[in-house]
C-alpha atoms as a PDB file:
ATOM      1  CA  UNK A   1      39.623-111.517 157.954  1.00  0.00           C
ATOM      2  CA  UNK A   2      39.697-108.556 159.993  1.00  0.00           C
ATOM      3  CA  UNK A   3      37.244-106.802 162.653  1.00  0.00           C
ATOM      4  CA  UNK A   4      35.343-105.025 160.039  1.00  0.00           C
ATOM      5  CA  UNK A   5      34.912-108.383 158.080  1.00  0.00           C
ATOM      6  CA  UNK A   6      33.832-110.108 161.118  1.00  0.00           C
ATOM      7  CA  UNK A   7      31.236-107.649 161.709  1.00  0.00           C
ATOM      8  CA  UNK A   8      29.892-108.041 158.225  1.00  0.00           C
ATOM      9  CA  UNK A   9      29.826-111.487 158.555  1.00  0.00           C
ATOM     10  CA  UNK A  10      27.624-111.331 161.925  1.00  0.00           C
ATOM     11  CA  UNK A  11      25.492-108.708 160.497  1.00  0.00           C
ATOM     12  CA  UNK A  12      24.638-110.811 157.739  1.00  0.00           C
ATOM     13  CA  UNK A  13      24.062-114.235 159.662  1.00  0.00           C
ATOM     14  CA  UNK A  14      22.078-112.371 162.499  1.00  0.00           C
ATOM     15  CA  UNK A  15      20.015-109.649 161.034  1.00  0.00           C
ATOM     16  CA  UNK A  16      21.289-107.115 163.605  1.00  0.00           C
ATOM     17  CA  UNK A  17      22.325-103.761 162.294  1.00  0.00           C
ATOM     18  CA  UNK A  18      25.780-103.019 161.526  1.00  0.00           C
ATOM     19  CA  UNK A  19      26.100-101.221 164.795  1.00  0.00           C
ATOM     20  CA  UNK A  20      24.829-103.625 166.773  1.00  0.00           C
ATOM     21  CA  UNK A  21      26.921-106.162 165.322  1.00  0.00           C
ATOM     22  CA  UNK A  22      29.887-104.123 165.908  1.00  0.00           C
ATOM     23  CA  UNK A  23      29.085-103.821 169.390  1.00  0.00           C
ATOM     24  CA  UNK A  24      28.440-107.349 169.598  1.00  0.00           C
ATOM     25  CA  UNK A  25      32.026-108.327 168.254  1.00  0.00           C
ATOM     26  CA  UNK A  26      33.617-105.698 170.511  1.00  0.00           C
ATOM     27  CA  UNK A  27      31.850-106.969 173.434  1.00  0.00           C
ATOM     28  CA  UNK A  28      32.863-110.695 172.773  1.00  0.00           C
ATOM     29  CA  UNK A  29      36.663-109.581 172.314  1.00  0.00           C
ATOM     30  CA  UNK A  30      36.443-107.335 175.285  1.00  0.00           C
ATOM     31  CA  UNK A  31      34.815-110.483 177.410  1.00  0.00           C
ATOM     32  CA  UNK A  32      37.705-112.725 176.520  1.00  0.00           C
ATOM     33  CA  UNK A  33      40.408-110.079 176.943  1.00  0.00           C
ATOM     34  CA  UNK A  34      38.935-109.409 180.417  1.00  0.00           C
ATOM     35  CA  UNK A  35      39.043-113.034 181.560  1.00  0.00           C
ATOM     36  CA  UNK A  36      42.373-113.750 180.552  1.00  0.00           C
ATOM     37  CA  UNK A  37      43.731-110.607 182.460  1.00  0.00           C
ATOM     38  CA  UNK A  38      42.059-111.980 185.388  1.00  0.00           C
ATOM     39  CA  UNK A  39      43.534-115.215 184.931  1.00  0.00           C
ATOM     40  CA  UNK A  40      40.593-117.238 183.738  1.00  0.00           C
ATOM     41  CA  UNK A  41      40.241-119.859 180.926  1.00  0.00           C
ATOM     42  CA  UNK A  42      38.081-119.274 178.257  1.00  0.00           C
ATOM     43  CA  UNK A  43      36.463-122.354 176.691  1.00  0.00           C
ATOM     44  CA  UNK A  44      34.091-122.148 173.721  1.00  0.00           C
ATOM     45  CA  UNK A  45      32.938-125.459 173.195  1.00  0.00           C
ATOM     46  CA  UNK A  46      33.749-127.178 169.722  1.00  0.00           C
ATOM     47  CA  UNK A  47      35.604-123.875 168.804  1.00  0.00           C
ATOM     48  CA  UNK A  48      38.600-124.000 171.353  1.00  0.00           C
ATOM     49  CA  UNK A  49      40.192-122.527 174.822  1.00  0.00           C
ATOM     50  CA  UNK A  50      41.873-119.184 175.303  1.00  0.00           C
ATOM     51  CA  UNK A  51      44.393-119.341 178.203  1.00  0.00           C
ATOM     52  CA  UNK A  52      47.336-117.610 179.799  1.00  0.00           C
ATOM     53  CA  UNK A  53      50.792-119.615 179.634  1.00  0.00           C
ATOM     54  CA  UNK A  54      53.982-118.874 181.644  1.00  0.00           C
ATOM     55  CA  UNK A  55      56.977-118.656 179.158  1.00  0.00           C
ATOM     56  CA  UNK A  56      60.378-119.520 180.991  1.00  0.00           C
ATOM     57  CA  UNK A  57      63.094-116.980 181.199  1.00  0.00           C
ATOM     58  CA  UNK A  58      65.792-117.760 178.659  1.00  0.00           C
ATOM     59  CA  UNK A  59      69.026-116.681 177.209  1.00  0.00           C
ATOM     60  CA  UNK A  60      68.562-115.050 173.692  1.00  0.00           C
ATOM     61  CA  UNK A  61      70.679-113.050 171.058  1.00  0.00           C
ATOM     62  CA  UNK A  62      70.375-109.675 169.427  1.00  0.00           C
ATOM     63  CA  UNK A  63      70.231-110.476 165.965  1.00  0.00           C
ATOM     64  CA  UNK A  64      72.129-107.150 165.267  1.00  0.00           C
ATOM     65  CA  UNK A  65      74.848-107.109 167.611  1.00  0.00           C
ATOM     66  CA  UNK A  66      74.967-110.997 168.395  1.00  0.00           C
ATOM     67  CA  UNK A  67      75.319-109.861 172.225  1.00  0.00           C
ATOM     68  CA  UNK A  68      73.679-112.405 174.265  1.00  0.00           C
ATOM     69  CA  UNK A  69      70.799-111.168 176.610  1.00  0.00           C
ATOM     70  CA  UNK A  70      68.591-112.584 178.908  1.00  0.00           C
ATOM     71  CA  UNK A  71      64.698-112.914 178.113  1.00  0.00           C
ATOM     72  CA  UNK A  72      62.492-112.707 181.391  1.00  0.00           C
ATOM     73  CA  UNK A  73      59.679-114.910 182.336  1.00  0.00           C
ATOM     74  CA  UNK A  74      56.493-113.465 181.212  1.00  0.00           C
ATOM     75  CA  UNK A  75      52.796-114.661 180.699  1.00  0.00           C
ATOM     76  CA  UNK A  76      51.519-114.846 177.138  1.00  0.00           C
ATOM     77  CA  UNK A  77      48.189-115.818 175.673  1.00  0.00           C
ATOM     78  CA  UNK A  78      47.781-119.226 174.082  1.00  0.00           C
ATOM     79  CA  UNK A  79      44.626-120.553 171.682  1.00  0.00           C
ATOM     80  CA  UNK A  80      43.970-124.192 171.357  1.00  0.00           C
ATOM     81  CA  UNK A  81      41.642-125.029 168.608  1.00  0.00           C
ATOM     82  CA  UNK A  82      38.842-127.532 169.337  1.00  0.00           C
ATOM     83  CA  UNK A  83      37.932-130.457 167.572  1.00  0.00           C
ATOM     84  CA  UNK A  84      35.027-128.893 165.531  1.00  0.00           C
ATOM     85  CA  UNK A  85      37.585-126.355 164.336  1.00  0.00           C
ATOM     86  CA  UNK A  86      40.154-128.791 163.601  1.00  0.00           C
ATOM     87  CA  UNK A  87      38.132-130.944 161.528  1.00  0.00           C
ATOM     88  CA  UNK A  88      36.519-128.075 159.623  1.00  0.00           C
ATOM     89  CA  UNK A  89      39.885-126.554 158.595  1.00  0.00           C
ATOM     90  CA  UNK A  90      41.214-129.729 157.717  1.00  0.00           C
END
């Protein structure tokens, strides 16, 4: 499913116009993105939690040359599915 498909689902489920559904989906993704950028955790009860985790610096290998490289510490987004979502997917 891509964004267009998600907008279609919102449109079908809510009865909003397609334009309004597109704005709602964009507003939702922007709100989550902005909260994560501020370092906040976003919890949607029964769906899941979005948060930022810090990956440790580590030594890696360039697959093309085989040379050893240092991969720096960095923050990455992480999603953990909630109980209801996990049960629905099973």
